[in-house]
Amino acid sequence: ENNAFGDLVQRHNRCDANECLCPE
């Protein structure tokens, strides 16, 4: 209820490289 564990179904969605080269 109330999406109590909603964060657990979130997929990691970012580049964690020291230097991200992506222009976007």
PDBML (XML) file of the C-alpha atoms, coordinates in Angstrom:
<?xml version="1.0" encoding="UTF-8" ?>
<PDBx:datablock datablockName="MODEL"
   xmlns:PDBx="http://pdbml.pdb.org/schema/pdbx-v50.xsd"
   xmlns:xsi="http://www.w3.org/2001/XMLSchema-instance"
   xsi:schemaLocation="http://pdbml.pdb.org/schema/pdbx-v50.xsd pdbx-v50.xsd">
   <PDBx:atom_siteCategory>
      <PDBx:atom_site id="1">
         <PDBx:B_iso_or_equiv>0.00</PDBx:B_iso_or_equiv>
         <PDBx:Cartn_x>0.000</PDBx:Cartn_x>
         <PDBx:Cartn_y>0.000</PDBx:Cartn_y>
         <PDBx:Cartn_z>0.000</PDBx:Cartn_z>
         <PDBx:auth_asym_id>A</PDBx:auth_asym_id>
         <PDBx:auth_atom_id>CA</PDBx:auth_atom_id>
         <PDBx:auth_comp_id>GLU</PDBx:auth_comp_id>
         <PDBx:auth_seq_id>1</PDBx:auth_seq_id>
         <PDBx:group_PDB>ATOM</PDBx:group_PDB>
         <PDBx:label_alt_id xsi:nil="true" />
         <PDBx:label_asym_id>A</PDBx:label_asym_id>
         <PDBx:label_atom_id>CA</PDBx:label_atom_id>
         <PDBx:label_comp_id>GLU</PDBx:label_comp_id>
         <PDBx:label_entity_id>1</PDBx:label_entity_id>
         <PDBx:label_seq_id>1</PDBx:label_seq_id>
         <PDBx:occupancy>1.00</PDBx:occupancy>
         <PDBx:pdbx_PDB_model_num>1</PDBx:pdbx_PDB_model_num>
         <PDBx:type_symbol>C</PDBx:type_symbol>
      </PDBx:atom_site>
      <PDBx:atom_site id="2">
         <PDBx:B_iso_or_equiv>0.00</PDBx:B_iso_or_equiv>
         <PDBx:Cartn_x>1.099</PDBx:Cartn_x>
         <PDBx:Cartn_y>3.576</PDBx:Cartn_y>
         <PDBx:Cartn_z>-0.674</PDBx:Cartn_z>
         <PDBx:auth_asym_id>A</PDBx:auth_asym_id>
         <PDBx:auth_atom_id>CA</PDBx:auth_atom_id>
         <PDBx:auth_comp_id>ASN</PDBx:auth_comp_id>
         <PDBx:auth_seq_id>2</PDBx:auth_seq_id>
         <PDBx:group_PDB>ATOM</PDBx:group_PDB>
         <PDBx:label_alt_id xsi:nil="true" />
         <PDBx:label_asym_id>A</PDBx:label_asym_id>
         <PDBx:label_atom_id>CA</PDBx:label_atom_id>
         <PDBx:label_comp_id>ASN</PDBx:label_comp_id>
         <PDBx:label_entity_id>1</PDBx:label_entity_id>
         <PDBx:label_seq_id>2</PDBx:label_seq_id>
         <PDBx:occupancy>1.00</PDBx:occupancy>
         <PDBx:pdbx_PDB_model_num>1</PDBx:pdbx_PDB_model_num>
         <PDBx:type_symbol>C</PDBx:type_symbol>
      </PDBx:atom_site>
      <PDBx:atom_site id="3">
         <PDBx:B_iso_or_equiv>0.00</PDBx:B_iso_or_equiv>
         <PDBx:Cartn_x>3.908</PDBx:Cartn_x>
         <PDBx:Cartn_y>2.264</PDBx:Cartn_y>
         <PDBx:Cartn_z>-2.915</PDBx:Cartn_z>
         <PDBx:auth_asym_id>A</PDBx:auth_asym_id>
         <PDBx:auth_atom_id>CA</PDBx:auth_atom_id>
         <PDBx:auth_comp_id>ASN</PDBx:auth_comp_id>
         <PDBx:auth_seq_id>3</PDBx:auth_seq_id>
         <PDBx:group_PDB>ATOM</PDBx:group_PDB>
         <PDBx:label_alt_id xsi:nil="true" />
         <PDBx:label_asym_id>A</PDBx:label_asym_id>
         <PDBx:label_atom_id>CA</PDBx:label_atom_id>
         <PDBx:label_comp_id>ASN</PDBx:label_comp_id>
         <PDBx:label_entity_id>1</PDBx:label_entity_id>
         <PDBx:label_seq_id>3</PDBx:label_seq_id>
         <PDBx:occupancy>1.00</PDBx:occupancy>
         <PDBx:pdbx_PDB_model_num>1</PDBx:pdbx_PDB_model_num>
         <PDBx:type_symbol>C</PDBx:type_symbol>
      </PDBx:atom_site>
      <PDBx:atom_site id="4">
         <PDBx:B_iso_or_equiv>0.00</PDBx:B_iso_or_equiv>
         <PDBx:Cartn_x>5.994</PDBx:Cartn_x>
         <PDBx:Cartn_y>1.582</PDBx:Cartn_y>
         <PDBx:Cartn_z>0.200</PDBx:Cartn_z>
         <PDBx:auth_asym_id>A</PDBx:auth_asym_id>
         <PDBx:auth_atom_id>CA</PDBx:auth_atom_id>
         <PDBx:auth_comp_id>ALA</PDBx:auth_comp_id>
         <PDBx:auth_seq_id>4</PDBx:auth_seq_id>
         <PDBx:group_PDB>ATOM</PDBx:group_PDB>
         <PDBx:label_alt_id xsi:nil="true" />
         <PDBx:label_asym_id>A</PDBx:label_asym_id>
         <PDBx:label_atom_id>CA</PDBx:label_atom_id>
         <PDBx:label_comp_id>ALA</PDBx:label_comp_id>
         <PDBx:label_entity_id>1</PDBx:label_entity_id>
         <PDBx:label_seq_id>4</PDBx:label_seq_id>
         <PDBx:occupancy>1.00</PDBx:occupancy>
         <PDBx:pdbx_PDB_model_num>1</PDBx:pdbx_PDB_model_num>
         <PDBx:type_symbol>C</PDBx:type_symbol>
      </PDBx:atom_site>
      <PDBx:atom_site id="5">
         <PDBx:B_iso_or_equiv>0.00</PDBx:B_iso_or_equiv>
         <PDBx:Cartn_x>8.611</PDBx:Cartn_x>
         <PDBx:Cartn_y>-0.399</PDBx:Cartn_y>
         <PDBx:Cartn_z>-1.745</PDBx:Cartn_z>
         <PDBx:auth_asym_id>A</PDBx:auth_asym_id>
         <PDBx:auth_atom_id>CA</PDBx:auth_atom_id>
         <PDBx:auth_comp_id>PHE</PDBx:auth_comp_id>
         <PDBx:auth_seq_id>5</PDBx:auth_seq_id>
         <PDBx:group_PDB>ATOM</PDBx:group_PDB>
         <PDBx:label_alt_id xsi:nil="true" />
         <PDBx:label_asym_id>A</PDBx:label_asym_id>
         <PDBx:label_atom_id>CA</PDBx:label_atom_id>
         <PDBx:label_comp_id>PHE</PDBx:label_comp_id>
         <PDBx:label_entity_id>1</PDBx:label_entity_id>
         <PDBx:label_seq_id>5</PDBx:label_seq_id>
         <PDBx:occupancy>1.00</PDBx:occupancy>
         <PDBx:pdbx_PDB_model_num>1</PDBx:pdbx_PDB_model_num>
         <PDBx:type_symbol>C</PDBx:type_symbol>
      </PDBx:atom_site>
      <PDBx:atom_site id="6">
         <PDBx:B_iso_or_equiv>0.00</PDBx:B_iso_or_equiv>
         <PDBx:Cartn_x>8.435</PDBx:Cartn_x>
         <PDBx:Cartn_y>1.551</PDBx:Cartn_y>
         <PDBx:Cartn_z>-4.997</PDBx:Cartn_z>
         <PDBx:auth_asym_id>A</PDBx:auth_asym_id>
         <PDBx:auth_atom_id>CA</PDBx:auth_atom_id>
         <PDBx:auth_comp_id>GLY</PDBx:auth_comp_id>
         <PDBx:auth_seq_id>6</PDBx:auth_seq_id>
         <PDBx:group_PDB>ATOM</PDBx:group_PDB>
         <PDBx:label_alt_id xsi:nil="true" />
         <PDBx:label_asym_id>A</PDBx:label_asym_id>
         <PDBx:label_atom_id>CA</PDBx:label_atom_id>
         <PDBx:label_comp_id>GLY</PDBx:label_comp_id>
         <PDBx:label_entity_id>1</PDBx:label_entity_id>
         <PDBx:label_seq_id>6</PDBx:label_seq_id>
         <PDBx:occupancy>1.00</PDBx:occupancy>
         <PDBx:pdbx_PDB_model_num>1</PDBx:pdbx_PDB_model_num>
         <PDBx:type_symbol>C</PDBx:type_symbol>
      </PDBx:atom_site>
      <PDBx:atom_site id="7">
         <PDBx:B_iso_or_equiv>0.00</PDBx:B_iso_or_equiv>
         <PDBx:Cartn_x>12.122</PDBx:Cartn_x>
         <PDBx:Cartn_y>2.460</PDBx:Cartn_y>
         <PDBx:Cartn_z>-4.823</PDBx:Cartn_z>
         <PDBx:auth_asym_id>A</PDBx:auth_asym_id>
         <PDBx:auth_atom_id>CA</PDBx:auth_atom_id>
         <PDBx:auth_comp_id>ASP</PDBx:auth_comp_id>
         <PDBx:auth_seq_id>7</PDBx:auth_seq_id>
         <PDBx:group_PDB>ATOM</PDBx:group_PDB>
         <PDBx:label_alt_id xsi:nil="true" />
         <PDBx:label_asym_id>A</PDBx:label_asym_id>
         <PDBx:label_atom_id>CA</PDBx:label_atom_id>
         <PDBx:label_comp_id>ASP</PDBx:label_comp_id>
         <PDBx:label_entity_id>1</PDBx:label_entity_id>
         <PDBx:label_seq_id>7</PDBx:label_seq_id>
         <PDBx:occupancy>1.00</PDBx:occupancy>
         <PDBx:pdbx_PDB_model_num>1</PDBx:pdbx_PDB_model_num>
         <PDBx:type_symbol>C</PDBx:type_symbol>
      </PDBx:atom_site>
      <PDBx:atom_site id="8">
         <PDBx:B_iso_or_equiv>0.00</PDBx:B_iso_or_equiv>
         <PDBx:Cartn_x>13.068</PDBx:Cartn_x>
         <PDBx:Cartn_y>-1.217</PDBx:Cartn_y>
         <PDBx:Cartn_z>-4.920</PDBx:Cartn_z>
         <PDBx:auth_asym_id>A</PDBx:auth_asym_id>
         <PDBx:auth_atom_id>CA</PDBx:auth_atom_id>
         <PDBx:auth_comp_id>LEU</PDBx:auth_comp_id>
         <PDBx:auth_seq_id>8</PDBx:auth_seq_id>
         <PDBx:group_PDB>ATOM</PDBx:group_PDB>
         <PDBx:label_alt_id xsi:nil="true" />
         <PDBx:label_asym_id>A</PDBx:label_asym_id>
         <PDBx:label_atom_id>CA</PDBx:label_atom_id>
         <PDBx:label_comp_id>LEU</PDBx:label_comp_id>
         <PDBx:label_entity_id>1</PDBx:label_entity_id>
         <PDBx:label_seq_id>8</PDBx:label_seq_id>
         <PDBx:occupancy>1.00</PDBx:occupancy>
         <PDBx:pdbx_PDB_model_num>1</PDBx:pdbx_PDB_model_num>
         <PDBx:type_symbol>C</PDBx:type_symbol>
      </PDBx:atom_site>
      <PDBx:atom_site id="9">
         <PDBx:B_iso_or_equiv>0.00</PDBx:B_iso_or_equiv>
         <PDBx:Cartn_x>11.742</PDBx:Cartn_x>
         <PDBx:Cartn_y>-1.632</PDBx:Cartn_y>
         <PDBx:Cartn_z>-8.445</PDBx:Cartn_z>
         <PDBx:auth_asym_id>A</PDBx:auth_asym_id>
         <PDBx:auth_atom_id>CA</PDBx:auth_atom_id>
         <PDBx:auth_comp_id>VAL</PDBx:auth_comp_id>
         <PDBx:auth_seq_id>9</PDBx:auth_seq_id>
         <PDBx:group_PDB>ATOM</PDBx:group_PDB>
         <PDBx:label_alt_id xsi:nil="true" />
         <PDBx:label_asym_id>A</PDBx:label_asym_id>
         <PDBx:label_atom_id>CA</PDBx:label_atom_id>
         <PDBx:label_comp_id>VAL</PDBx:label_comp_id>
         <PDBx:label_entity_id>1</PDBx:label_entity_id>
         <PDBx:label_seq_id>9</PDBx:label_seq_id>
         <PDBx:occupancy>1.00</PDBx:occupancy>
         <PDBx:pdbx_PDB_model_num>1</PDBx:pdbx_PDB_model_num>
         <PDBx:type_symbol>C</PDBx:type_symbol>
      </PDBx:atom_site>
      <PDBx:atom_site id="10">
         <PDBx:B_iso_or_equiv>0.00</PDBx:B_iso_or_equiv>
         <PDBx:Cartn_x>13.637</PDBx:Cartn_x>
         <PDBx:Cartn_y>1.379</PDBx:Cartn_y>
         <PDBx:Cartn_z>-9.820</PDBx:Cartn_z>
         <PDBx:auth_asym_id>A</PDBx:auth_asym_id>
         <PDBx:auth_atom_id>CA</PDBx:auth_atom_id>
         <PDBx:auth_comp_id>GLN</PDBx:auth_comp_id>
         <PDBx:auth_seq_id>10</PDBx:auth_seq_id>
         <PDBx:group_PDB>ATOM</PDBx:group_PDB>
         <PDBx:label_alt_id xsi:nil="true" />
         <PDBx:label_asym_id>A</PDBx:label_asym_id>
         <PDBx:label_atom_id>CA</PDBx:label_atom_id>
         <PDBx:label_comp_id>GLN</PDBx:label_comp_id>
         <PDBx:label_entity_id>1</PDBx:label_entity_id>
         <PDBx:label_seq_id>10</PDBx:label_seq_id>
         <PDBx:occupancy>1.00</PDBx:occupancy>
         <PDBx:pdbx_PDB_model_num>1</PDBx:pdbx_PDB_model_num>
         <PDBx:type_symbol>C</PDBx:type_symbol>
      </PDBx:atom_site>
      <PDBx:atom_site id="11">
         <PDBx:B_iso_or_equiv>0.00</PDBx:B_iso_or_equiv>
         <PDBx:Cartn_x>16.359</PDBx:Cartn_x>
         <PDBx:Cartn_y>0.441</PDBx:Cartn_y>
         <PDBx:Cartn_z>-12.302</PDBx:Cartn_z>
         <PDBx:auth_asym_id>A</PDBx:auth_asym_id>
         <PDBx:auth_atom_id>CA</PDBx:auth_atom_id>
         <PDBx:auth_comp_id>ARG</PDBx:auth_comp_id>
         <PDBx:auth_seq_id>11</PDBx:auth_seq_id>
         <PDBx:group_PDB>ATOM</PDBx:group_PDB>
         <PDBx:label_alt_id xsi:nil="true" />
         <PDBx:label_asym_id>A</PDBx:label_asym_id>
         <PDBx:label_atom_id>CA</PDBx:label_atom_id>
         <PDBx:label_comp_id>ARG</PDBx:label_comp_id>
         <PDBx:label_entity_id>1</PDBx:label_entity_id>
         <PDBx:label_seq_id>11</PDBx:label_seq_id>
         <PDBx:occupancy>1.00</PDBx:occupancy>
         <PDBx:pdbx_PDB_model_num>1</PDBx:pdbx_PDB_model_num>
         <PDBx:type_symbol>C</PDBx:type_symbol>
      </PDBx:atom_site>
      <PDBx:atom_site id="12">
         <PDBx:B_iso_or_equiv>0.00</PDBx:B_iso_or_equiv>
         <PDBx:Cartn_x>19.684</PDBx:Cartn_x>
         <PDBx:Cartn_y>2.289</PDBx:Cartn_y>
         <PDBx:Cartn_z>-12.101</PDBx:Cartn_z>
         <PDBx:auth_asym_id>A</PDBx:auth_asym_id>
         <PDBx:auth_atom_id>CA</PDBx:auth_atom_id>
         <PDBx:auth_comp_id>HIS</PDBx:auth_comp_id>
         <PDBx:auth_seq_id>12</PDBx:auth_seq_id>
         <PDBx:group_PDB>ATOM</PDBx:group_PDB>
         <PDBx:label_alt_id xsi:nil="true" />
         <PDBx:label_asym_id>A</PDBx:label_asym_id>
         <PDBx:label_atom_id>CA</PDBx:label_atom_id>
         <PDBx:label_comp_id>HIS</PDBx:label_comp_id>
         <PDBx:label_entity_id>1</PDBx:label_entity_id>
         <PDBx:label_seq_id>12</PDBx:label_seq_id>
         <PDBx:occupancy>1.00</PDBx:occupancy>
         <PDBx:pdbx_PDB_model_num>1</PDBx:pdbx_PDB_model_num>
         <PDBx:type_symbol>C</PDBx:type_symbol>
      </PDBx:atom_site>
      <PDBx:atom_site id="13">
         <PDBx:B_iso_or_equiv>0.00</PDBx:B_iso_or_equiv>
         <PDBx:Cartn_x>19.583</PDBx:Cartn_x>
         <PDBx:Cartn_y>4.813</PDBx:Cartn_y>
         <PDBx:Cartn_z>-14.938</PDBx:Cartn_z>
         <PDBx:auth_asym_id>A</PDBx:auth_asym_id>
         <PDBx:auth_atom_id>CA</PDBx:auth_atom_id>
         <PDBx:auth_comp_id>ASN</PDBx:auth_comp_id>
         <PDBx:auth_seq_id>13</PDBx:auth_seq_id>
         <PDBx:group_PDB>ATOM</PDBx:group_PDB>
         <PDBx:label_alt_id xsi:nil="true" />
         <PDBx:label_asym_id>A</PDBx:label_asym_id>
         <PDBx:label_atom_id>CA</PDBx:label_atom_id>
         <PDBx:label_comp_id>ASN</PDBx:label_comp_id>
         <PDBx:label_entity_id>1</PDBx:label_entity_id>
         <PDBx:label_seq_id>13</PDBx:label_seq_id>
         <PDBx:occupancy>1.00</PDBx:occupancy>
         <PDBx:pdbx_PDB_model_num>1</PDBx:pdbx_PDB_model_num>
         <PDBx:type_symbol>C</PDBx:type_symbol>
      </PDBx:atom_site>
      <PDBx:atom_site id="14">
         <PDBx:B_iso_or_equiv>0.00</PDBx:B_iso_or_equiv>
         <PDBx:Cartn_x>22.750</PDBx:Cartn_x>
         <PDBx:Cartn_y>6.880</PDBx:Cartn_y>
         <PDBx:Cartn_z>-15.054</PDBx:Cartn_z>
         <PDBx:auth_asym_id>A</PDBx:auth_asym_id>
         <PDBx:auth_atom_id>CA</PDBx:auth_atom_id>
         <PDBx:auth_comp_id>ARG</PDBx:auth_comp_id>
         <PDBx:auth_seq_id>14</PDBx:auth_seq_id>
         <PDBx:group_PDB>ATOM</PDBx:group_PDB>
         <PDBx:label_alt_id xsi:nil="true" />
         <PDBx:label_asym_id>A</PDBx:label_asym_id>
         <PDBx:label_atom_id>CA</PDBx:label_atom_id>
         <PDBx:label_comp_id>ARG</PDBx:label_comp_id>
         <PDBx:label_entity_id>1</PDBx:label_entity_id>
         <PDBx:label_seq_id>14</PDBx:label_seq_id>
         <PDBx:occupancy>1.00</PDBx:occupancy>
         <PDBx:pdbx_PDB_model_num>1</PDBx:pdbx_PDB_model_num>
         <PDBx:type_symbol>C</PDBx:type_symbol>
      </PDBx:atom_site>
      <PDBx:atom_site id="15">
         <PDBx:B_iso_or_equiv>0.00</PDBx:B_iso_or_equiv>
         <PDBx:Cartn_x>26.371</PDBx:Cartn_x>
         <PDBx:Cartn_y>6.720</PDBx:Cartn_y>
         <PDBx:Cartn_z>-16.107</PDBx:Cartn_z>
         <PDBx:auth_asym_id>A</PDBx:auth_asym_id>
         <PDBx:auth_atom_id>CA</PDBx:auth_atom_id>
         <PDBx:auth_comp_id>CYS</PDBx:auth_comp_id>
         <PDBx:auth_seq_id>15</PDBx:auth_seq_id>
         <PDBx:group_PDB>ATOM</PDBx:group_PDB>
         <PDBx:label_alt_id xsi:nil="true" />
         <PDBx:label_asym_id>A</PDBx:label_asym_id>
         <PDBx:label_atom_id>CA</PDBx:label_atom_id>
         <PDBx:label_comp_id>CYS</PDBx:label_comp_id>
         <PDBx:label_entity_id>1</PDBx:label_entity_id>
         <PDBx:label_seq_id>15</PDBx:label_seq_id>
         <PDBx:occupancy>1.00</PDBx:occupancy>
         <PDBx:pdbx_PDB_model_num>1</PDBx:pdbx_PDB_model_num>
         <PDBx:type_symbol>C</PDBx:type_symbol>
      </PDBx:atom_site>
      <PDBx:atom_site id="16">
         <PDBx:B_iso_or_equiv>0.00</PDBx:B_iso_or_equiv>
         <PDBx:Cartn_x>28.682</PDBx:Cartn_x>
         <PDBx:Cartn_y>6.553</PDBx:Cartn_y>
         <PDBx:Cartn_z>-13.102</PDBx:Cartn_z>
         <PDBx:auth_asym_id>A</PDBx:auth_asym_id>
         <PDBx:auth_atom_id>CA</PDBx:auth_atom_id>
         <PDBx:auth_comp_id>ASP</PDBx:auth_comp_id>
         <PDBx:auth_seq_id>16</PDBx:auth_seq_id>
         <PDBx:group_PDB>ATOM</PDBx:group_PDB>
         <PDBx:label_alt_id xsi:nil="true" />
         <PDBx:label_asym_id>A</PDBx:label_asym_id>
         <PDBx:label_atom_id>CA</PDBx:label_atom_id>
         <PDBx:label_comp_id>ASP</PDBx:label_comp_id>
         <PDBx:label_entity_id>1</PDBx:label_entity_id>
         <PDBx:label_seq_id>16</PDBx:label_seq_id>
         <PDBx:occupancy>1.00</PDBx:occupancy>
         <PDBx:pdbx_PDB_model_num>1</PDBx:pdbx_PDB_model_num>
         <PDBx:type_symbol>C</PDBx:type_symbol>
      </PDBx:atom_site>
      <PDBx:atom_site id="17">
         <PDBx:B_iso_or_equiv>0.00</PDBx:B_iso_or_equiv>
         <PDBx:Cartn_x>31.961</PDBx:Cartn_x>
         <PDBx:Cartn_y>6.887</PDBx:Cartn_y>
         <PDBx:Cartn_z>-15.028</PDBx:Cartn_z>
         <PDBx:auth_asym_id>A</PDBx:auth_asym_id>
         <PDBx:auth_atom_id>CA</PDBx:auth_atom_id>
         <PDBx:auth_comp_id>ALA</PDBx:auth_comp_id>
         <PDBx:auth_seq_id>17</PDBx:auth_seq_id>
         <PDBx:group_PDB>ATOM</PDBx:group_PDB>
         <PDBx:label_alt_id xsi:nil="true" />
         <PDBx:label_asym_id>A</PDBx:label_asym_id>
         <PDBx:label_atom_id>CA</PDBx:label_atom_id>
         <PDBx:label_comp_id>ALA</PDBx:label_comp_id>
         <PDBx:label_entity_id>1</PDBx:label_entity_id>
         <PDBx:label_seq_id>17</PDBx:label_seq_id>
         <PDBx:occupancy>1.00</PDBx:occupancy>
         <PDBx:pdbx_PDB_model_num>1</PDBx:pdbx_PDB_model_num>
         <PDBx:type_symbol>C</PDBx:type_symbol>
      </PDBx:atom_site>
      <PDBx:atom_site id="18">
         <PDBx:B_iso_or_equiv>0.00</PDBx:B_iso_or_equiv>
         <PDBx:Cartn_x>34.423</PDBx:Cartn_x>
         <PDBx:Cartn_y>9.360</PDBx:Cartn_y>
         <PDBx:Cartn_z>-13.495</PDBx:Cartn_z>
         <PDBx:auth_asym_id>A</PDBx:auth_asym_id>
         <PDBx:auth_atom_id>CA</PDBx:auth_atom_id>
         <PDBx:auth_comp_id>ASN</PDBx:auth_comp_id>
         <PDBx:auth_seq_id>18</PDBx:auth_seq_id>
         <PDBx:group_PDB>ATOM</PDBx:group_PDB>
         <PDBx:label_alt_id xsi:nil="true" />
         <PDBx:label_asym_id>A</PDBx:label_asym_id>
         <PDBx:label_atom_id>CA</PDBx:label_atom_id>
         <PDBx:label_comp_id>ASN</PDBx:label_comp_id>
         <PDBx:label_entity_id>1</PDBx:label_entity_id>
         <PDBx:label_seq_id>18</PDBx:label_seq_id>
         <PDBx:occupancy>1.00</PDBx:occupancy>
         <PDBx:pdbx_PDB_model_num>1</PDBx:pdbx_PDB_model_num>
         <PDBx:type_symbol>C</PDBx:type_symbol>
      </PDBx:atom_site>
      <PDBx:atom_site id="19">
         <PDBx:B_iso_or_equiv>0.00</PDBx:B_iso_or_equiv>
         <PDBx:Cartn_x>34.094</PDBx:Cartn_x>
         <PDBx:Cartn_y>11.405</PDBx:Cartn_y>
         <PDBx:Cartn_z>-16.660</PDBx:Cartn_z>
         <PDBx:auth_asym_id>A</PDBx:auth_asym_id>
         <PDBx:auth_atom_id>CA</PDBx:auth_atom_id>
         <PDBx:auth_comp_id>GLU</PDBx:auth_comp_id>
         <PDBx:auth_seq_id>19</PDBx:auth_seq_id>
         <PDBx:group_PDB>ATOM</PDBx:group_PDB>
         <PDBx:label_alt_id xsi:nil="true" />
         <PDBx:label_asym_id>A</PDBx:label_asym_id>
         <PDBx:label_atom_id>CA</PDBx:label_atom_id>
         <PDBx:label_comp_id>GLU</PDBx:label_comp_id>
         <PDBx:label_entity_id>1</PDBx:label_entity_id>
         <PDBx:label_seq_id>19</PDBx:label_seq_id>
         <PDBx:occupancy>1.00</PDBx:occupancy>
         <PDBx:pdbx_PDB_model_num>1</PDBx:pdbx_PDB_model_num>
         <PDBx:type_symbol>C</PDBx:type_symbol>
      </PDBx:atom_site>
      <PDBx:atom_site id="20">
         <PDBx:B_iso_or_equiv>0.00</PDBx:B_iso_or_equiv>
         <PDBx:Cartn_x>30.857</PDBx:Cartn_x>
         <PDBx:Cartn_y>10.950</PDBx:Cartn_y>
         <PDBx:Cartn_z>-18.604</PDBx:Cartn_z>
         <PDBx:auth_asym_id>A</PDBx:auth_asym_id>
         <PDBx:auth_atom_id>CA</PDBx:auth_atom_id>
         <PDBx:auth_comp_id>CYS</PDBx:auth_comp_id>
         <PDBx:auth_seq_id>20</PDBx:auth_seq_id>
         <PDBx:group_PDB>ATOM</PDBx:group_PDB>
         <PDBx:label_alt_id xsi:nil="true" />
         <PDBx:label_asym_id>A</PDBx:label_asym_id>
         <PDBx:label_atom_id>CA</PDBx:label_atom_id>
         <PDBx:label_comp_id>CYS</PDBx:label_comp_id>
         <PDBx:label_entity_id>1</PDBx:label_entity_id>
         <PDBx:label_seq_id>20</PDBx:label_seq_id>
         <PDBx:occupancy>1.00</PDBx:occupancy>
         <PDBx:pdbx_PDB_model_num>1</PDBx:pdbx_PDB_model_num>
         <PDBx:type_symbol>C</PDBx:type_symbol>
      </PDBx:atom_site>
      <PDBx:atom_site id="21">
         <PDBx:B_iso_or_equiv>0.00</PDBx:B_iso_or_equiv>
         <PDBx:Cartn_x>31.459</PDBx:Cartn_x>
         <PDBx:Cartn_y>11.727</PDBx:Cartn_y>
         <PDBx:Cartn_z>-22.280</PDBx:Cartn_z>
         <PDBx:auth_asym_id>A</PDBx:auth_asym_id>
         <PDBx:auth_atom_id>CA</PDBx:auth_atom_id>
         <PDBx:auth_comp_id>LEU</PDBx:auth_comp_id>
         <PDBx:auth_seq_id>21</PDBx:auth_seq_id>
         <PDBx:group_PDB>ATOM</PDBx:group_PDB>
         <PDBx:label_alt_id xsi:nil="true" />
         <PDBx:label_asym_id>A</PDBx:label_asym_id>
         <PDBx:label_atom_id>CA</PDBx:label_atom_id>
         <PDBx:label_comp_id>LEU</PDBx:label_comp_id>
         <PDBx:label_entity_id>1</PDBx:label_entity_id>
         <PDBx:label_seq_id>21</PDBx:label_seq_id>
         <PDBx:occupancy>1.00</PDBx:occupancy>
         <PDBx:pdbx_PDB_model_num>1</PDBx:pdbx_PDB_model_num>
         <PDBx:type_symbol>C</PDBx:type_symbol>
      </PDBx:atom_site>
      <PDBx:atom_site id="22">
         <PDBx:B_iso_or_equiv>0.00</PDBx:B_iso_or_equiv>
         <PDBx:Cartn_x>27.802</PDBx:Cartn_x>
         <PDBx:Cartn_y>11.743</PDBx:Cartn_y>
         <PDBx:Cartn_z>-23.357</PDBx:Cartn_z>
         <PDBx:auth_asym_id>A</PDBx:auth_asym_id>
         <PDBx:auth_atom_id>CA</PDBx:auth_atom_id>
         <PDBx:auth_comp_id>CYS</PDBx:auth_comp_id>
         <PDBx:auth_seq_id>22</PDBx:auth_seq_id>
         <PDBx:group_PDB>ATOM</PDBx:group_PDB>
         <PDBx:label_alt_id xsi:nil="true" />
         <PDBx:label_asym_id>A</PDBx:label_asym_id>
         <PDBx:label_atom_id>CA</PDBx:label_atom_id>
         <PDBx:label_comp_id>CYS</PDBx:label_comp_id>
         <PDBx:label_entity_id>1</PDBx:label_entity_id>
         <PDBx:label_seq_id>22</PDBx:label_seq_id>
         <PDBx:occupancy>1.00</PDBx:occupancy>
         <PDBx:pdbx_PDB_model_num>1</PDBx:pdbx_PDB_model_num>
         <PDBx:type_symbol>C</PDBx:type_symbol>
      </PDBx:atom_site>
      <PDBx:atom_site id="23">
         <PDBx:B_iso_or_equiv>0.00</PDBx:B_iso_or_equiv>
         <PDBx:Cartn_x>26.849</PDBx:Cartn_x>
         <PDBx:Cartn_y>15.181</PDBx:Cartn_y>
         <PDBx:Cartn_z>-24.761</PDBx:Cartn_z>
         <PDBx:auth_asym_id>A</PDBx:auth_asym_id>
         <PDBx:auth_atom_id>CA</PDBx:auth_atom_id>
         <PDBx:auth_comp_id>PRO</PDBx:auth_comp_id>
         <PDBx:auth_seq_id>23</PDBx:auth_seq_id>
         <PDBx:group_PDB>ATOM</PDBx:group_PDB>
         <PDBx:label_alt_id xsi:nil="true" />
         <PDBx:label_asym_id>A</PDBx:label_asym_id>
         <PDBx:label_atom_id>CA</PDBx:label_atom_id>
         <PDBx:label_comp_id>PRO</PDBx:label_comp_id>
         <PDBx:label_entity_id>1</PDBx:label_entity_id>
         <PDBx:label_seq_id>23</PDBx:label_seq_id>
         <PDBx:occupancy>1.00</PDBx:occupancy>
         <PDBx:pdbx_PDB_model_num>1</PDBx:pdbx_PDB_model_num>
         <PDBx:type_symbol>C</PDBx:type_symbol>
      </PDBx:atom_site>
      <PDBx:atom_site id="24">
         <PDBx:B_iso_or_equiv>0.00</PDBx:B_iso_or_equiv>
         <PDBx:Cartn_x>23.265</PDBx:Cartn_x>
         <PDBx:Cartn_y>14.700</PDBx:Cartn_y>
         <PDBx:Cartn_z>-23.486</PDBx:Cartn_z>
         <PDBx:auth_asym_id>A</PDBx:auth_asym_id>
         <PDBx:auth_atom_id>CA</PDBx:auth_atom_id>
         <PDBx:auth_comp_id>GLU</PDBx:auth_comp_id>
         <PDBx:auth_seq_id>24</PDBx:auth_seq_id>
         <PDBx:group_PDB>ATOM</PDBx:group_PDB>
         <PDBx:label_alt_id xsi:nil="true" />
         <PDBx:label_asym_id>A</PDBx:label_asym_id>
         <PDBx:label_atom_id>CA</PDBx:label_atom_id>
         <PDBx:label_comp_id>GLU</PDBx:label_comp_id>
         <PDBx:label_entity_id>1</PDBx:label_entity_id>
         <PDBx:label_seq_id>24</PDBx:label_seq_id>
         <PDBx:occupancy>1.00</PDBx:occupancy>
         <PDBx:pdbx_PDB_model_num>1</PDBx:pdbx_PDB_model_num>
         <PDBx:type_symbol>C</PDBx:type_symbol>
      </PDBx:atom_site>
   </PDBx:atom_siteCategory>
</PDBx:datablock>
